[in-house]
C-alpha atoms as a PDB file:
ATOM      1  CA  MET A   1      59.149   8.997   2.019  1.00  0.00           C
ATOM      2  CA  MET A   2      58.996  12.650   3.121  1.00  0.00           C
ATOM      3  CA  LEU A   3      60.682  15.553   0.578  1.00  0.00           C
ATOM      4  CA  PHE A   4      60.831  18.351   1.618  1.00  0.00           C
ATOM      5  CA  ILE A   5      60.579  21.314  -0.199  1.00  0.00           C
ATOM      6  CA  SER A   6      61.127  24.910  -0.785  1.00  0.00           C
ATOM      7  CA  GLN A   7      58.975  27.652  -1.916  1.00  0.00           C
ATOM      8  CA  ASN A   8      61.585  27.595  -5.739  1.00  0.00           C
ATOM      9  CA  THR A   9      60.540  24.207  -6.222  1.00  0.00           C
ATOM     10  CA  LYS A  10      57.394  24.650  -6.055  1.00  0.00           C
ATOM     11  CA  GLY A  11      57.174  23.013  -9.433  1.00  0.00           C
ATOM     12  CA  ILE A  12      59.351  20.391  -9.460  1.00  0.00           C
ATOM     13  CA  GLU A  13      57.639  19.335  -7.051  1.00  0.00           C
ATOM     14  CA  MET A  14      54.488  19.294  -8.826  1.00  0.00           C
ATOM     15  CA  LYS A  15      55.895  17.485 -11.616  1.00  0.00           C
ATOM     16  CA  VAL A  16      57.177  14.760  -9.263  1.00  0.00           C
ATOM     17  CA  ILE A  17      53.570  14.084  -7.396  1.00  0.00           C
ATOM     18  CA  PHE A  18      52.374  14.395 -11.295  1.00  0.00           C
ATOM     19  CA  ILE A  19      55.515  11.581 -12.524  1.00  0.00           C
ATOM     20  CA  LYS A  20      54.465   9.086  -9.469  1.00  0.00           C
ATOM     21  CA  LYS A  21      50.749   9.250 -10.303  1.00  0.00           C
ATOM     22  CA  LEU A  22      50.880   8.428 -14.088  1.00  0.00           C
ATOM     23  CA  PHE A  23      53.212   5.437 -13.344  1.00  0.00           C
ATOM     24  CA  ALA A  24      50.182   4.135 -11.231  1.00  0.00           C
ATOM     25  CA  PHE A  25      47.893   4.546 -13.383  1.00  0.00           C
ATOM     26  CA  ALA A  26      50.871   2.837 -15.983  1.00  0.00           C
ATOM     27  CA  VAL A  27      50.587   0.261 -13.687  1.00  0.00           C
ATOM     28  CA  SER A  28      47.525  -0.165 -13.126  1.00  0.00           C
ATOM     29  CA  VAL A  29      46.690  -0.506 -17.371  1.00  0.00           C
ATOM     30  CA  CYS A  30      49.154  -3.288 -16.428  1.00  0.00           C
ATOM     31  CA  ILE A  31      47.957  -5.303 -14.336  1.00  0.00           C
ATOM     32  CA  VAL A  32      44.411  -5.183 -16.275  1.00  0.00           C
ATOM     33  CA  PHE A  33      45.897  -5.508 -19.163  1.00  0.00           C
ATOM     34  CA  CYS A  34      48.034  -8.191 -18.381  1.00  0.00           C
ATOM     35  CA  SER A  35      44.382  -9.917 -16.515  1.00  0.00           C
ATOM     36  CA  THR A  36      42.525  -9.748 -19.017  1.00  0.00           C
ATOM     37  CA  ILE A  37      44.831 -11.336 -21.919  1.00  0.00           C
ATOM     38  CA  ASN A  38      44.775 -14.627 -19.343  1.00  0.00           C
ATOM     39  CA  GLN A  39      41.405 -14.667 -19.192  1.00  0.00           C
ATOM     40  CA  VAL A  40      40.862 -14.942 -22.865  1.00  0.00           C
ATOM     41  CA  LYS A  41      44.203 -17.332 -22.787  1.00  0.00           C
ATOM     42  CA  ALA A  42      41.959 -19.311 -20.582  1.00  0.00           C
ATOM     43  CA  GLN A  43      38.757 -19.572 -23.057  1.00  0.00           C
ATOM     44  CA  GLN A  44      40.395 -20.583 -25.909  1.00  0.00           C
ATOM     45  CA  PRO A  45      40.346 -24.173 -26.517  1.00  0.00           C
ATOM     46  CA  SER A  46      43.534 -26.050 -26.913  1.00  0.00           C
ATOM     47  CA  GLY A  47      44.445 -26.401 -30.784  1.00  0.00           C
ATOM     48  CA  ARG A  48      47.329 -29.002 -29.882  1.00  0.00           C
ATOM     49  CA  ILE A  49      46.034 -32.116 -30.593  1.00  0.00           C
ATOM     50  CA  GLY A  50      49.376 -33.197 -28.046  1.00  0.00           C
ATOM     51  CA  PHE A  51      50.363 -36.400 -28.111  1.00  0.00           C
ATOM     52  CA  SER A  52      52.813 -39.051 -30.231  1.00  0.00           C
ATOM     53  CA  LEU A  53      52.515 -42.410 -30.086  1.00  0.00           C
ATOM     54  CA  LYS A  54      55.506 -45.283 -30.738  1.00  0.00           C
ATOM     55  CA  VAL A  55      54.986 -48.202 -33.036  1.00  0.00           C
ATOM     56  CA  GLN A  56      56.454 -51.763 -32.459  1.00  0.00           C
ATOM     57  CA  ALA A  57      56.158 -53.707 -36.590  1.00  0.00           C
ATOM     58  CA  ASP A  58      56.476 -57.620 -37.543  1.00  0.00           C
ATOM     59  CA  GLY A  59      58.226 -57.753 -41.312  1.00  0.00           C
ATOM     60  CA  PHE A  60      60.991 -55.960 -43.434  1.00  0.00           C
ATOM     61  CA  PHE A  61      59.682 -55.279 -46.783  1.00  0.00           C
ATOM     62  CA  ASN A  62      55.615 -54.983 -46.418  1.00  0.00           C
ATOM     63  CA  PRO A  63      55.666 -54.666 -42.376  1.00  0.00           C
ATOM     64  CA  LYS A  64      52.338 -55.330 -39.789  1.00  0.00           C
ATOM     65  CA  VAL A  65      52.418 -53.325 -37.295  1.00  0.00           C
ATOM     66  CA  THR A  66      51.623 -55.439 -33.933  1.00  0.00           C
ATOM     67  CA  LYS A  67      50.978 -52.675 -31.160  1.00  0.00           C
ATOM     68  CA  VAL A  68      51.381 -48.281 -30.550  1.00  0.00           C
ATOM     69  CA  ILE A  69      51.248 -47.222 -27.638  1.00  0.00           C
ATOM     70  CA  VAL A  70      50.589 -43.813 -26.655  1.00  0.00           C
ATOM     71  CA  ASP A  71      54.410 -42.129 -25.950  1.00  0.00           C
ATOM     72  CA  LEU A  72      53.387 -38.395 -24.679  1.00  0.00           C
ATOM     73  CA  VAL A  73      50.206 -36.850 -23.534  1.00  0.00           C
ATOM     74  CA  GLU A  74      51.546 -32.452 -23.715  1.00  0.00           C
ATOM     75  CA  PRO A  75      49.231 -31.128 -20.724  1.00  0.00           C
ATOM     76  CA  GLU A  76      46.847 -29.252 -22.356  1.00  0.00           C
ATOM     77  CA  SER A  77      46.337 -30.391 -25.031  1.00  0.00           C
ATOM     78  CA  GLN A  78      42.879 -32.453 -26.273  1.00  0.00           C
ATOM     79  CA  ALA A  79      44.034 -35.270 -25.898  1.00  0.00           C
ATOM     80  CA  GLN A  80      44.588 -34.700 -22.525  1.00  0.00           C
ATOM     81  CA  LYS A  81      41.228 -33.884 -22.529  1.00  0.00           C
ATOM     82  CA  ALA A  82      39.866 -36.578 -24.053  1.00  0.00           C
ATOM     83  CA  GLY A  83      41.877 -38.870 -21.576  1.00  0.00           C
ATOM     84  CA  MET A  84      44.489 -40.049 -22.993  1.00  0.00           C
ATOM     85  CA  VAL A  85      47.606 -41.145 -21.160  1.00  0.00           C
ATOM     86  CA  ILE A  86      50.738 -42.795 -21.837  1.00  0.00           C
ATOM     87  CA  GLY A  87      50.576 -46.293 -22.092  1.00  0.00           C
ATOM     88  CA  ASP A  88      47.756 -46.020 -23.605  1.00  0.00           C
ATOM     89  CA  GLU A  89      47.672 -48.782 -26.837  1.00  0.00           C
ATOM     90  CA  LEU A  90      45.548 -47.712 -30.151  1.00  0.00           C
ATOM     91  CA  ILE A  91      43.225 -50.700 -31.124  1.00  0.00           C
ATOM     92  CA  LYS A  92      40.766 -48.321 -34.097  1.00  0.00           C
ATOM     93  CA  VAL A  93      41.712 -45.663 -35.899  1.00  0.00           C
ATOM     94  CA  GLU A  94      38.070 -44.733 -37.852  1.00  0.00           C
ATOM     95  CA  ASP A  95      36.915 -48.081 -37.745  1.00  0.00           C
ATOM     96  CA  ILE A  96      40.520 -50.031 -38.899  1.00  0.00           C
ATOM     97  CA  GLU A  97      41.917 -52.920 -36.178  1.00  0.00           C
ATOM     98  CA  VAL A  98      45.379 -51.314 -35.551  1.00  0.00           C
ATOM     99  CA  PRO A  99      47.270 -54.287 -34.243  1.00  0.00           C
ATOM    100  CA  GLY A 100      47.807 -57.093 -37.673  1.00  0.00           C
ATOM    101  CA  THR A 101      47.034 -54.444 -39.831  1.00  0.00           C
ATOM    102  CA  ASP A 102      50.002 -53.627 -42.754  1.00  0.00           C
ATOM    103  CA  ALA A 103      51.591 -50.039 -41.800  1.00  0.00           C
ATOM    104  CA  SER A 104      51.333 -49.125 -45.282  1.00  0.00           C
ATOM    105  CA  VAL A 105      47.696 -49.544 -45.039  1.00  0.00           C
ATOM    106  CA  LEU A 106      47.762 -47.531 -41.369  1.00  0.00           C
ATOM    107  CA  LYS A 107      49.445 -45.019 -42.733  1.00  0.00           C
ATOM    108  CA  PRO A 108      47.259 -42.706 -44.200  1.00  0.00           C
ATOM    109  CA  HIS A 109      43.968 -43.549 -41.395  1.00  0.00           C
ATOM    110  CA  MET A 110      46.968 -42.059 -38.890  1.00  0.00           C
ATOM    111  CA  LYS A 111      47.135 -38.633 -40.594  1.00  0.00           C
ATOM    112  CA  PHE A 112      45.212 -36.271 -39.029  1.00  0.00           C
ATOM    113  CA  VAL A 113      43.515 -32.982 -41.723  1.00  0.00           C
ATOM    114  CA  SER A 114      42.529 -29.824 -40.429  1.00  0.00           C
ATOM    115  CA  GLY A 115      39.018 -29.923 -39.667  1.00  0.00           C
ATOM    116  CA  LYS A 116      38.137 -33.298 -39.655  1.00  0.00           C
ATOM    117  CA  PRO A 117      36.860 -35.020 -36.990  1.00  0.00           C
ATOM    118  CA  LYS A 118      39.355 -38.836 -36.331  1.00  0.00           C
ATOM    119  CA  LYS A 119      37.940 -41.954 -34.330  1.00  0.00           C
ATOM    120  CA  LEU A 120      40.100 -43.787 -32.351  1.00  0.00           C
ATOM    121  CA  VAL A 121      39.723 -46.490 -30.065  1.00  0.00           C
ATOM    122  CA  LEU A 122      42.166 -47.181 -26.865  1.00  0.00           C
ATOM    123  CA  ARG A 123      43.040 -49.439 -24.337  1.00  0.00           C
ATOM    124  CA  ARG A 124      44.692 -48.883 -20.957  1.00  0.00           C
ATOM    125  CA  PRO A 125      46.740 -51.470 -19.895  1.00  0.00           C
ATOM    126  CA  ASN A 126      43.843 -52.285 -17.554  1.00  0.00           C
ATOM    127  CA  GLY A 127      41.994 -54.167 -20.407  1.00  0.00           C
ATOM    128  CA  HIS A 128      39.229 -51.067 -20.481  1.00  0.00           C
ATOM    129  CA  THR A 129      38.791 -49.691 -23.999  1.00  0.00           C
ATOM    130  CA  TYR A 130      37.530 -46.301 -24.468  1.00  0.00           C
ATOM    131  CA  GLU A 131      37.002 -43.568 -27.543  1.00  0.00           C
ATOM    132  CA  ALA A 132      38.872 -40.478 -28.209  1.00  0.00           C
ATOM    133  CA  THR A 133      37.781 -38.200 -31.164  1.00  0.00           C
ATOM    134  CA  LEU A 134      40.020 -34.938 -32.188  1.00  0.00           C
ATOM    135  CA  VAL A 135      40.704 -32.179 -34.306  1.00  0.00           C
ATOM    136  CA  LYS A 136      43.251 -31.077 -36.435  1.00  0.00           C
ATOM    137  CA  PRO A 137      42.937 -27.259 -36.023  1.00  0.00           C
END
């Protein structure tokens, strides 16, 4: 873009140049700031546990848990990083067998307490078992 400026508009020309330089500086500061924020976010560990379970039980007054299946794993969550996938079966919580246990006995062990690790043992549909230790932030 070319501007033809007469001598009477010399002050205006200087203001336009100053505004353009100021704008370019502001844009570069925003780019650096945004990239720094993204780097900080990438370095922070995910605080979310990030999974949900589908519980199957038998009985009405005193139900026994028959099966607990992972039905959601959030991306970038602790659950995903621990290897959990949809379809895995929860077979132990803190050394308590899940299938066959009364729901009332199992319920308090399913709650996550902030800062306290909880060990889960899961089984893939192919039979492979693995442990996942998760911590509520």
